Amino acid sequence: MPHLWQITAVREAAAIAFVSVLLFVAYHLSTVFSPIVLALLAAYLIHPVVKFIERRTGLSPRLIVALLLIFICAAVAVVGFWFGPILVHQITLLLEALARIHVRSHATS
């Protein structure tokens, strides 16, 4: 008589159950893990820049990171102020067009 794990259907059912539970837990913990993953990604991307500037200037890594964060925040703010009104206007036009299409589609049916 074969062992339980030698039966293919049992192994596949266990694998599907394990992956399902893993996805369920990951989905419910995504609010916790999302900021952590984003912070790790940011650190991974900024680290080479910090090392390059540190070698060139001799500044401390903490100062370089602070300056980079200030620069990145300022750049995002400038882009937001520049393109923000344009984006809001375009979204407003899109919503108005979608509302007209919706009204027309219900008027013909």
PDB file of N, CA and C in Angstrom:
ATOM      1  N   MET A   1       0.854  -1.186   0.000  1.00  0.00           N
ATOM      2  CA  MET A   1       0.000   0.000   0.000  1.00  0.00           C
ATOM      3  C   MET A   1       0.894   1.242   0.000  1.00  0.00           C
ATOM      4  N   PRO A   2       0.625   2.202  -0.897  1.00  0.00           N
ATOM      5  CA  PRO A   2       1.479   3.399  -0.974  1.00  0.00           C
ATOM      6  C   PRO A   2       1.221   4.338   0.208  1.00  0.00           C
ATOM      7  N   HIS A   3       2.263   5.099   0.510  1.00  0.00           N
ATOM      8  CA  HIS A   3       2.108   6.108   1.555  1.00  0.00           C
ATOM      9  C   HIS A   3       1.188   7.221   1.052  1.00  0.00           C
ATOM     10  N   LEU A   4       0.651   7.978   1.970  1.00  0.00           N
ATOM     11  CA  LEU A   4      -0.312   9.018   1.608  1.00  0.00           C
ATOM     12  C   LEU A   4       0.294  10.048   0.662  1.00  0.00           C
ATOM     13  N   TRP A   5       1.559  10.441   0.888  1.00  0.00           N
ATOM     14  CA  TRP A   5       2.184  11.466   0.048  1.00  0.00           C
ATOM     15  C   TRP A   5       2.609  10.937  -1.315  1.00  0.00           C
ATOM     16  N   GLN A   6       2.550   9.645  -1.518  1.00  0.00           N
ATOM     17  CA  GLN A   6       2.875   9.079  -2.823  1.00  0.00           C
ATOM     18  C   GLN A   6       1.689   9.167  -3.784  1.00  0.00           C
ATOM     19  N   ILE A   7       0.533   9.467  -3.262  1.00  0.00           N
ATOM     20  CA  ILE A   7      -0.657   9.625  -4.109  1.00  0.00           C
ATOM     21  C   ILE A   7      -0.642  11.044  -4.682  1.00  0.00           C
ATOM     22  N   THR A   8      -0.639  11.129  -6.009  1.00  0.00           N
ATOM     23  CA  THR A   8      -0.514  12.421  -6.697  1.00  0.00           C
ATOM     24  C   THR A   8      -1.645  13.372  -6.325  1.00  0.00           C
ATOM     25  N   ALA A   9      -2.847  12.887  -6.261  1.00  0.00           N
ATOM     26  CA  ALA A   9      -3.990  13.749  -5.954  1.00  0.00           C
ATOM     27  C   ALA A   9      -3.857  14.368  -4.560  1.00  0.00           C
ATOM     28  N   VAL A  10      -3.345  13.629  -3.613  1.00  0.00           N
ATOM     29  CA  VAL A  10      -3.176  14.139  -2.247  1.00  0.00           C
ATOM     30  C   VAL A  10      -2.103  15.226  -2.234  1.00  0.00           C
ATOM     31  N   ARG A  11      -0.991  14.970  -2.926  1.00  0.00           N
ATOM     32  CA  ARG A  11       0.074  15.984  -2.985  1.00  0.00           C
ATOM     33  C   ARG A  11      -0.424  17.261  -3.649  1.00  0.00           C
ATOM     34  N   GLU A  12      -1.142  17.133  -4.753  1.00  0.00           N
ATOM     35  CA  GLU A  12      -1.654  18.319  -5.456  1.00  0.00           C
ATOM     36  C   GLU A  12      -2.687  19.061  -4.619  1.00  0.00           C
ATOM     37  N   ALA A  13      -3.558  18.345  -3.927  1.00  0.00           N
ATOM     38  CA  ALA A  13      -4.554  18.993  -3.069  1.00  0.00           C
ATOM     39  C   ALA A  13      -3.868  19.736  -1.926  1.00  0.00           C
ATOM     40  N   ALA A  14      -2.822  19.138  -1.355  1.00  0.00           N
ATOM     41  CA  ALA A  14      -2.086  19.800  -0.270  1.00  0.00           C
ATOM     42  C   ALA A  14      -1.372  21.038  -0.796  1.00  0.00           C
ATOM     43  N   ALA A  15      -0.795  20.962  -1.979  1.00  0.00           N
ATOM     44  CA  ALA A  15      -0.107  22.115  -2.561  1.00  0.00           C
ATOM     45  C   ALA A  15      -1.091  23.239  -2.847  1.00  0.00           C
ATOM     46  N   ILE A  16      -2.240  22.898  -3.396  1.00  0.00           N
ATOM     47  CA  ILE A  16      -3.263  23.915  -3.684  1.00  0.00           C
ATOM     48  C   ILE A  16      -3.759  24.548  -2.387  1.00  0.00           C
ATOM     49  N   ALA A  17      -3.972  23.746  -1.358  1.00  0.00           N
ATOM     50  CA  ALA A  17      -4.419  24.282  -0.071  1.00  0.00           C
ATOM     51  C   ALA A  17      -3.357  25.200   0.525  1.00  0.00           C
ATOM     52  N   PHE A  18      -2.094  24.799   0.447  1.00  0.00           N
ATOM     53  CA  PHE A  18      -1.005  25.616   0.990  1.00  0.00           C
ATOM     54  C   PHE A  18      -0.907  26.953   0.261  1.00  0.00           C
ATOM     55  N   VAL A  19      -0.944  26.920  -1.062  1.00  0.00           N
ATOM     56  CA  VAL A  19      -0.866  28.160  -1.842  1.00  0.00           C
ATOM     57  C   VAL A  19      -2.083  29.036  -1.569  1.00  0.00           C
ATOM     58  N   SER A  20      -3.261  28.429  -1.441  1.00  0.00           N
ATOM     59  CA  SER A  20      -4.474  29.207  -1.148  1.00  0.00           C
ATOM     60  C   SER A  20      -4.371  29.912   0.199  1.00  0.00           C
ATOM     61  N   VAL A  21      -3.913  29.206   1.202  1.00  0.00           N
ATOM     62  CA  VAL A  21      -3.753  29.808   2.533  1.00  0.00           C
ATOM     63  C   VAL A  21      -2.692  30.906   2.488  1.00  0.00           C
ATOM     64  N   LEU A  22      -1.604  30.642   1.778  1.00  0.00           N
ATOM     65  CA  LEU A  22      -0.545  31.642   1.654  1.00  0.00           C
ATOM     66  C   LEU A  22      -1.048  32.914   0.978  1.00  0.00           C
ATOM     67  N   LEU A  23      -1.801  32.776  -0.100  1.00  0.00           N
ATOM     68  CA  LEU A  23      -2.363  33.946  -0.787  1.00  0.00           C
ATOM     69  C   LEU A  23      -3.379  34.676   0.089  1.00  0.00           C
ATOM     70  N   PHE A  24      -4.183  33.925   0.819  1.00  0.00           N
ATOM     71  CA  PHE A  24      -5.167  34.533   1.714  1.00  0.00           C
ATOM     72  C   PHE A  24      -4.478  35.383   2.783  1.00  0.00           C
ATOM     73  N   VAL A  25      -3.447  34.830   3.397  1.00  0.00           N
ATOM     74  CA  VAL A  25      -2.708  35.562   4.437  1.00  0.00           C
ATOM     75  C   VAL A  25      -1.999  36.766   3.837  1.00  0.00           C
ATOM     76  N   ALA A  26      -1.366  36.590   2.674  1.00  0.00           N
ATOM     77  CA  ALA A  26      -0.658  37.698   2.030  1.00  0.00           C
ATOM     78  C   ALA A  26      -1.619  38.829   1.676  1.00  0.00           C
ATOM     79  N   TYR A  27      -2.817  38.463   1.206  1.00  0.00           N
ATOM     80  CA  TYR A  27      -3.803  39.487   0.858  1.00  0.00           C
ATOM     81  C   TYR A  27      -4.212  40.288   2.090  1.00  0.00           C
ATOM     82  N   HIS A  28      -4.441  39.616   3.186  1.00  0.00           N
ATOM     83  CA  HIS A  28      -4.888  40.315   4.389  1.00  0.00           C
ATOM     84  C   HIS A  28      -3.765  41.065   5.098  1.00  0.00           C
ATOM     85  N   LEU A  29      -2.532  40.695   4.843  1.00  0.00           N
ATOM     86  CA  LEU A  29      -1.403  41.403   5.441  1.00  0.00           C
ATOM     87  C   LEU A  29      -0.769  42.402   4.475  1.00  0.00           C
ATOM     88  N   SER A  30      -1.386  42.607   3.317  1.00  0.00           N
ATOM     89  CA  SER A  30      -0.793  43.499   2.321  1.00  0.00           C
ATOM     90  C   SER A  30      -0.694  44.937   2.831  1.00  0.00           C
ATOM     91  N   THR A  31      -1.606  45.345   3.714  1.00  0.00           N
ATOM     92  CA  THR A  31      -1.525  46.699   4.253  1.00  0.00           C
ATOM     93  C   THR A  31      -0.294  46.860   5.140  1.00  0.00           C
ATOM     94  N   VAL A  32       0.173  45.764   5.705  1.00  0.00           N
ATOM     95  CA  VAL A  32       1.383  45.806   6.535  1.00  0.00           C
ATOM     96  C   VAL A  32       2.629  45.703   5.671  1.00  0.00           C
ATOM     97  N   PHE A  33       2.601  44.805   4.692  1.00  0.00           N
ATOM     98  CA  PHE A  33       3.796  44.534   3.902  1.00  0.00           C
ATOM     99  C   PHE A  33       4.056  45.555   2.805  1.00  0.00           C
ATOM    100  N   SER A  34       3.032  46.227   2.299  1.00  0.00           N
ATOM    101  CA  SER A  34       3.230  47.182   1.207  1.00  0.00           C
ATOM    102  C   SER A  34       4.224  48.284   1.566  1.00  0.00           C
ATOM    103  N   PRO A  35       4.084  48.970   2.701  1.00  0.00           N
ATOM    104  CA  PRO A  35       5.078  49.995   3.032  1.00  0.00           C
ATOM    105  C   PRO A  35       6.479  49.423   3.235  1.00  0.00           C
ATOM    106  N   ILE A  36       6.548  48.213   3.782  1.00  0.00           N
ATOM    107  CA  ILE A  36       7.863  47.601   4.000  1.00  0.00           C
ATOM    108  C   ILE A  36       8.531  47.296   2.664  1.00  0.00           C
ATOM    109  N   VAL A  37       7.772  46.740   1.739  1.00  0.00           N
ATOM    110  CA  VAL A  37       8.325  46.426   0.421  1.00  0.00           C
ATOM    111  C   VAL A  37       8.735  47.702  -0.312  1.00  0.00           C
ATOM    112  N   LEU A  38       7.908  48.736  -0.233  1.00  0.00           N
ATOM    113  CA  LEU A  38       8.258  50.003  -0.879  1.00  0.00           C
ATOM    114  C   LEU A  38       9.511  50.623  -0.261  1.00  0.00           C
ATOM    115  N   ALA A  39       9.652  50.537   1.052  1.00  0.00           N
ATOM    116  CA  ALA A  39      10.839  51.073   1.712  1.00  0.00           C
ATOM    117  C   ALA A  39      12.092  50.297   1.304  1.00  0.00           C
ATOM    118  N   LEU A  40      11.981  48.981   1.227  1.00  0.00           N
ATOM    119  CA  LEU A  40      13.123  48.170   0.790  1.00  0.00           C
ATOM    120  C   LEU A  40      13.496  48.476  -0.659  1.00  0.00           C
ATOM    121  N   LEU A  41      12.502  48.661  -1.509  1.00  0.00           N
ATOM    122  CA  LEU A  41      12.763  49.010  -2.906  1.00  0.00           C
ATOM    123  C   LEU A  41      13.439  50.374  -3.012  1.00  0.00           C
ATOM    124  N   ALA A  42      12.947  51.349  -2.239  1.00  0.00           N
ATOM    125  CA  ALA A  42      13.566  52.675  -2.248  1.00  0.00           C
ATOM    126  C   ALA A  42      15.010  52.620  -1.760  1.00  0.00           C
ATOM    127  N   ALA A  43      15.254  51.866  -0.697  1.00  0.00           N
ATOM    128  CA  ALA A  43      16.624  51.737  -0.183  1.00  0.00           C
ATOM    129  C   ALA A  43      17.529  51.069  -1.208  1.00  0.00           C
ATOM    130  N   TYR A  44      17.006  50.055  -1.885  1.00  0.00           N
ATOM    131  CA  TYR A  44      17.780  49.346  -2.908  1.00  0.00           C
ATOM    132  C   TYR A  44      18.140  50.281  -4.063  1.00  0.00           C
ATOM    133  N   LEU A  45      17.210  51.151  -4.441  1.00  0.00           N
ATOM    134  CA  LEU A  45      17.460  52.061  -5.556  1.00  0.00           C
ATOM    135  C   LEU A  45      18.352  53.238  -5.175  1.00  0.00           C
ATOM    136  N   ILE A  46      18.245  53.715  -3.945  1.00  0.00           N
ATOM    137  CA  ILE A  46      18.998  54.896  -3.522  1.00  0.00           C
ATOM    138  C   ILE A  46      20.424  54.545  -3.092  1.00  0.00           C
ATOM    139  N   HIS A  47      20.658  53.327  -2.639  1.00  0.00           N
ATOM    140  CA  HIS A  47      21.969  52.940  -2.105  1.00  0.00           C
ATOM    141  C   HIS A  47      23.135  53.213  -3.071  1.00  0.00           C
ATOM    142  N   PRO A  48      23.053  52.837  -4.348  1.00  0.00           N
ATOM    143  CA  PRO A  48      24.183  53.128  -5.245  1.00  0.00           C
ATOM    144  C   PRO A  48      24.457  54.623  -5.399  1.00  0.00           C
ATOM    145  N   VAL A  49      23.399  55.414  -5.401  1.00  0.00           N
ATOM    146  CA  VAL A  49      23.571  56.867  -5.522  1.00  0.00           C
ATOM    147  C   VAL A  49      24.270  57.412  -4.279  1.00  0.00           C
ATOM    148  N   VAL A  50      23.861  56.934  -3.111  1.00  0.00           N
ATOM    149  CA  VAL A  50      24.478  57.376  -1.855  1.00  0.00           C
ATOM    150  C   VAL A  50      25.959  57.016  -1.841  1.00  0.00           C
ATOM    151  N   LYS A  51      26.281  55.786  -2.233  1.00  0.00           N
ATOM    152  CA  LYS A  51      27.690  55.361  -2.242  1.00  0.00           C
ATOM    153  C   LYS A  51      28.515  56.183  -3.229  1.00  0.00           C
ATOM    154  N   PHE A  52      27.949  56.488  -4.383  1.00  0.00           N
ATOM    155  CA  PHE A  52      28.653  57.287  -5.386  1.00  0.00           C
ATOM    156  C   PHE A  52      28.941  58.689  -4.854  1.00  0.00           C
ATOM    157  N   ILE A  53      27.927  59.323  -4.278  1.00  0.00           N
ATOM    158  CA  ILE A  53      28.109  60.684  -3.752  1.00  0.00           C
ATOM    159  C   ILE A  53      29.053  60.668  -2.556  1.00  0.00           C
ATOM    160  N   GLU A  54      28.975  59.643  -1.735  1.00  0.00           N
ATOM    161  CA  GLU A  54      29.858  59.538  -0.572  1.00  0.00           C
ATOM    162  C   GLU A  54      31.320  59.437  -1.006  1.00  0.00           C
ATOM    163  N   ARG A  55      31.595  58.620  -2.031  1.00  0.00           N
ATOM    164  CA  ARG A  55      32.974  58.504  -2.534  1.00  0.00           C
ATOM    165  C   ARG A  55      33.466  59.811  -3.134  1.00  0.00           C
ATOM    166  N   ARG A  56      32.580  60.519  -3.850  1.00  0.00           N
ATOM    167  CA  ARG A  56      32.982  61.759  -4.520  1.00  0.00           C
ATOM    168  C   ARG A  56      33.176  62.931  -3.566  1.00  0.00           C
ATOM    169  N   THR A  57      32.298  63.022  -2.544  1.00  0.00           N
ATOM    170  CA  THR A  57      32.303  64.225  -1.708  1.00  0.00           C
ATOM    171  C   THR A  57      32.826  64.001  -0.301  1.00  0.00           C
ATOM    172  N   GLY A  58      32.737  62.782   0.196  1.00  0.00           N
ATOM    173  CA  GLY A  58      33.147  62.523   1.568  1.00  0.00           C
ATOM    174  C   GLY A  58      32.089  62.887   2.603  1.00  0.00           C
ATOM    175  N   LEU A  59      30.889  63.235   2.150  1.00  0.00           N
ATOM    176  CA  LEU A  59      29.794  63.542   3.076  1.00  0.00           C
ATOM    177  C   LEU A  59      29.309  62.265   3.753  1.00  0.00           C
ATOM    178  N   SER A  60      28.661  62.433   4.895  1.00  0.00           N
ATOM    179  CA  SER A  60      28.150  61.263   5.608  1.00  0.00           C
ATOM    180  C   SER A  60      26.921  60.719   4.868  1.00  0.00           C
ATOM    181  N   PRO A  61      26.735  59.405   4.923  1.00  0.00           N
ATOM    182  CA  PRO A  61      25.572  58.811   4.247  1.00  0.00           C
ATOM    183  C   PRO A  61      24.235  59.352   4.760  1.00  0.00           C
ATOM    184  N   ARG A  62      24.152  59.656   6.048  1.00  0.00           N
ATOM    185  CA  ARG A  62      22.899  60.204   6.595  1.00  0.00           C
ATOM    186  C   ARG A  62      22.555  61.551   5.959  1.00  0.00           C
ATOM    187  N   LEU A  63      23.558  62.393   5.808  1.00  0.00           N
ATOM    188  CA  LEU A  63      23.331  63.700   5.183  1.00  0.00           C
ATOM    189  C   LEU A  63      22.937  63.528   3.721  1.00  0.00           C
ATOM    190  N   ILE A  64      23.595  62.616   3.034  1.00  0.00           N
ATOM    191  CA  ILE A  64      23.284  62.382   1.626  1.00  0.00           C
ATOM    192  C   ILE A  64      21.853  61.879   1.468  1.00  0.00           C
ATOM    193  N   VAL A  65      21.450  60.942   2.314  1.00  0.00           N
ATOM    194  CA  VAL A  65      20.079  60.415   2.251  1.00  0.00           C
ATOM    195  C   VAL A  65      19.073  61.522   2.541  1.00  0.00           C
ATOM    196  N   ALA A  66      19.357  62.346   3.545  1.00  0.00           N
ATOM    197  CA  ALA A  66      18.444  63.456   3.863  1.00  0.00           C
ATOM    198  C   ALA A  66      18.322  64.410   2.682  1.00  0.00           C
ATOM    199  N   LEU A  67      19.445  64.749   2.056  1.00  0.00           N
ATOM    200  CA  LEU A  67      19.410  65.652   0.901  1.00  0.00           C
ATOM    201  C   LEU A  67      18.676  65.015  -0.281  1.00  0.00           C
ATOM    202  N   LEU A  68      18.914  63.727  -0.502  1.00  0.00           N
ATOM    203  CA  LEU A  68      18.209  63.035  -1.591  1.00  0.00           C
ATOM    204  C   LEU A  68      16.705  63.005  -1.346  1.00  0.00           C
ATOM    205  N   LEU A  69      16.294  62.738  -0.114  1.00  0.00           N
ATOM    206  CA  LEU A  69      14.864  62.722   0.191  1.00  0.00           C
ATOM    207  C   LEU A  69      14.233  64.097   0.006  1.00  0.00           C
ATOM    208  N   ILE A  70      14.943  65.127   0.421  1.00  0.00           N
ATOM    209  CA  ILE A  70      14.440  66.494   0.213  1.00  0.00           C
ATOM    210  C   ILE A  70      14.321  66.776  -1.284  1.00  0.00           C
ATOM    211  N   PHE A  71      15.337  66.380  -2.047  1.00  0.00           N
ATOM    212  CA  PHE A  71      15.314  66.595  -3.493  1.00  0.00           C
ATOM    213  C   PHE A  71      14.171  65.835  -4.147  1.00  0.00           C
ATOM    214  N   ILE A  72      13.979  64.571  -3.772  1.00  0.00           N
ATOM    215  CA  ILE A  72      12.910  63.756  -4.363  1.00  0.00           C
ATOM    216  C   ILE A  72      11.542  64.331  -4.011  1.00  0.00           C
ATOM    217  N   CYS A  73      11.344  64.734  -2.758  1.00  0.00           N
ATOM    218  CA  CYS A  73      10.060  65.331  -2.347  1.00  0.00           C
ATOM    219  C   CYS A  73       9.797  66.641  -3.091  1.00  0.00           C
ATOM    220  N   ALA A  74      10.831  67.452  -3.247  1.00  0.00           N
ATOM    221  CA  ALA A  74      10.680  68.712  -3.976  1.00  0.00           C
ATOM    222  C   ALA A  74      10.345  68.446  -5.440  1.00  0.00           C
ATOM    223  N   ALA A  75      10.997  67.458  -6.041  1.00  0.00           N
ATOM    224  CA  ALA A  75      10.724  67.138  -7.436  1.00  0.00           C
ATOM    225  C   ALA A  75       9.288  66.644  -7.617  1.00  0.00           C
ATOM    226  N   VAL A  76       8.828  65.791  -6.703  1.00  0.00           N
ATOM    227  CA  VAL A  76       7.447  65.303  -6.780  1.00  0.00           C
ATOM    228  C   VAL A  76       6.463  66.458  -6.600  1.00  0.00           C
ATOM    229  N   ALA A  77       6.757  67.376  -5.687  1.00  0.00           N
ATOM    230  CA  ALA A  77       5.878  68.525  -5.464  1.00  0.00           C
ATOM    231  C   ALA A  77       5.821  69.420  -6.699  1.00  0.00           C
ATOM    232  N   VAL A  78       6.967  69.670  -7.301  1.00  0.00           N
ATOM    233  CA  VAL A  78       6.996  70.522  -8.498  1.00  0.00           C
ATOM    234  C   VAL A  78       6.217  69.876  -9.634  1.00  0.00           C
ATOM    235  N   VAL A  79       6.439  68.588  -9.852  1.00  0.00           N
ATOM    236  CA  VAL A  79       5.704  67.891 -10.908  1.00  0.00           C
ATOM    237  C   VAL A  79       4.207  67.892 -10.595  1.00  0.00           C
ATOM    238  N   GLY A  80       3.837  67.687  -9.325  1.00  0.00           N
ATOM    239  CA  GLY A  80       2.427  67.713  -8.944  1.00  0.00           C
ATOM    240  C   GLY A  80       1.782  69.067  -9.160  1.00  0.00           C
ATOM    241  N   PHE A  81       2.486  70.130  -8.795  1.00  0.00           N
ATOM    242  CA  PHE A  81       1.943  71.471  -9.009  1.00  0.00           C
ATOM    243  C   PHE A  81       1.868  71.822 -10.486  1.00  0.00           C
ATOM    244  N   TRP A  82       2.805  71.295 -11.259  1.00  0.00           N
ATOM    245  CA  TRP A  82       2.835  71.610 -12.673  1.00  0.00           C
ATOM    246  C   TRP A  82       1.759  70.832 -13.438  1.00  0.00           C
ATOM    247  N   PHE A  83       1.708  69.522 -13.216  1.00  0.00           N
ATOM    248  CA  PHE A  83       0.781  68.687 -13.965  1.00  0.00           C
ATOM    249  C   PHE A  83      -0.529  68.428 -13.247  1.00  0.00           C
ATOM    250  N   GLY A  84      -0.633  68.770 -11.973  1.00  0.00           N
ATOM    251  CA  GLY A  84      -1.853  68.523 -11.219  1.00  0.00           C
ATOM    252  C   GLY A  84      -3.097  69.137 -11.830  1.00  0.00           C
ATOM    253  N   PRO A  85      -3.095  70.444 -12.107  1.00  0.00           N
ATOM    254  CA  PRO A  85      -4.293  71.056 -12.698  1.00  0.00           C
ATOM    255  C   PRO A  85      -4.647  70.469 -14.069  1.00  0.00           C
ATOM    256  N   ILE A  86      -3.637  70.156 -14.862  1.00  0.00           N
ATOM    257  CA  ILE A  86      -3.891  69.558 -16.178  1.00  0.00           C
ATOM    258  C   ILE A  86      -4.541  68.192 -16.004  1.00  0.00           C
ATOM    259  N   LEU A  87      -4.020  67.404 -15.074  1.00  0.00           N
ATOM    260  CA  LEU A  87      -4.560  66.077 -14.824  1.00  0.00           C
ATOM    261  C   LEU A  87      -5.997  66.147 -14.315  1.00  0.00           C
ATOM    262  N   VAL A  88      -6.273  67.067 -13.408  1.00  0.00           N
ATOM    263  CA  VAL A  88      -7.636  67.228 -12.890  1.00  0.00           C
ATOM    264  C   VAL A  88      -8.583  67.624 -14.015  1.00  0.00           C
ATOM    265  N   HIS A  89      -8.155  68.521 -14.882  1.00  0.00           N
ATOM    266  CA  HIS A  89      -8.992  68.960 -16.010  1.00  0.00           C
ATOM    267  C   HIS A  89      -9.274  67.784 -16.955  1.00  0.00           C
ATOM    268  N   GLN A  90      -8.254  66.999 -17.270  1.00  0.00           N
ATOM    269  CA  GLN A  90      -8.434  65.864 -18.168  1.00  0.00           C
ATOM    270  C   GLN A  90      -9.355  64.808 -17.554  1.00  0.00           C
ATOM    271  N   ILE A  91      -9.212  64.549 -16.275  1.00  0.00           N
ATOM    272  CA  ILE A  91     -10.083  63.569 -15.610  1.00  0.00           C
ATOM    273  C   ILE A  91     -11.523  64.062 -15.593  1.00  0.00           C
ATOM    274  N   THR A  92     -11.718  65.371 -15.368  1.00  0.00           N
ATOM    275  CA  THR A  92     -13.068  65.946 -15.393  1.00  0.00           C
ATOM    276  C   THR A  92     -13.695  65.781 -16.768  1.00  0.00           C
ATOM    277  N   LEU A  93     -12.935  66.059 -17.821  1.00  0.00           N
ATOM    278  CA  LEU A  93     -13.453  65.877 -19.175  1.00  0.00           C
ATOM    279  C   LEU A  93     -13.799  64.417 -19.458  1.00  0.00           C
ATOM    280  N   LEU A  94     -12.948  63.509 -18.997  1.00  0.00           N
ATOM    281  CA  LEU A  94     -13.196  62.085 -19.187  1.00  0.00           C
ATOM    282  C   LEU A  94     -14.481  61.660 -18.485  1.00  0.00           C
ATOM    283  N   LEU A  95     -14.676  62.095 -17.247  1.00  0.00           N
ATOM    284  CA  LEU A  95     -15.889  61.727 -16.511  1.00  0.00           C
ATOM    285  C   LEU A  95     -17.142  62.305 -17.159  1.00  0.00           C
ATOM    286  N   GLU A  96     -17.055  63.527 -17.667  1.00  0.00           N
ATOM    287  CA  GLU A  96     -18.203  64.115 -18.359  1.00  0.00           C
ATOM    288  C   GLU A  96     -18.527  63.336 -19.622  1.00  0.00           C
ATOM    289  N   ALA A  97     -17.501  62.940 -20.370  1.00  0.00           N
ATOM    290  CA  ALA A  97     -17.730  62.161 -21.589  1.00  0.00           C
ATOM    291  C   ALA A  97     -18.324  60.800 -21.253  1.00  0.00           C
ATOM    292  N   LEU A  98     -17.829  60.165 -20.199  1.00  0.00           N
ATOM    293  CA  LEU A  98     -18.389  58.878 -19.791  1.00  0.00           C
ATOM    294  C   LEU A  98     -19.835  59.007 -19.340  1.00  0.00           C
ATOM    295  N   ALA A  99     -20.156  60.103 -18.674  1.00  0.00           N
ATOM    296  CA  ALA A  99     -21.546  60.326 -18.242  1.00  0.00           C
ATOM    297  C   ALA A  99     -22.451  60.500 -19.467  1.00  0.00           C
ATOM    298  N   ARG A 100     -21.983  61.241 -20.485  1.00  0.00           N
ATOM    299  CA  ARG A 100     -22.788  61.416 -21.702  1.00  0.00           C
ATOM    300  C   ARG A 100     -23.001  60.073 -22.409  1.00  0.00           C
ATOM    301  N   ILE A 101     -21.946  59.268 -22.487  1.00  0.00           N
ATOM    302  CA  ILE A 101     -22.063  57.955 -23.125  1.00  0.00           C
ATOM    303  C   ILE A 101     -23.039  57.081 -22.352  1.00  0.00           C
ATOM    304  N   HIS A 102     -22.978  57.136 -21.042  1.00  0.00           N
ATOM    305  CA  HIS A 102     -23.872  56.339 -20.203  1.00  0.00           C
ATOM    306  C   HIS A 102     -25.324  56.761 -20.407  1.00  0.00           C
ATOM    307  N   VAL A 103     -25.577  58.068 -20.452  1.00  0.00           N
ATOM    308  CA  VAL A 103     -26.947  58.569 -20.650  1.00  0.00           C
ATOM    309  C   VAL A 103     -27.462  58.149 -22.027  1.00  0.00           C
ATOM    310  N   ARG A 104     -26.611  58.268 -23.059  1.00  0.00           N
ATOM    311  CA  ARG A 104     -27.020  57.880 -24.411  1.00  0.00           C
ATOM    312  C   ARG A 104     -27.314  56.394 -24.506  1.00  0.00           C
ATOM    313  N   SER A 105     -26.513  55.586 -23.845  1.00  0.00           N
ATOM    314  CA  SER A 105     -26.716  54.136 -23.931  1.00  0.00           C
ATOM    315  C   SER A 105     -28.025  53.721 -23.249  1.00  0.00           C
ATOM    316  N   HIS A 106     -28.418  54.420 -22.205  1.00  0.00           N
ATOM    317  CA  HIS A 106     -29.675  54.099 -21.523  1.00  0.00           C
ATOM    318  C   HIS A 106     -30.860  54.701 -22.228  1.00  0.00           C
ATOM    319  N   ALA A 107     -30.644  55.781 -22.979  1.00  0.00           N
ATOM    320  CA  ALA A 107     -31.758  56.402 -23.705  1.00  0.00           C
ATOM    321  C   ALA A 107     -32.171  55.542 -24.907  1.00  0.00           C
ATOM    322  N   THR A 108     -31.215  54.843 -25.522  1.00  0.00           N
ATOM    323  CA  THR A 108     -31.532  54.032 -26.688  1.00  0.00           C
ATOM    324  C   THR A 108     -32.081  52.660 -26.328  1.00  0.00           C
ATOM    325  N   SER A 109     -31.902  52.228 -25.097  1.00  0.00           N
ATOM    326  CA  SER A 109     -32.379  50.871 -24.745  1.00  0.00           C
ATOM    327  C   SER A 109     -33.734  50.877 -24.110  1.00  0.00           C
TER     328      SER A 109
END
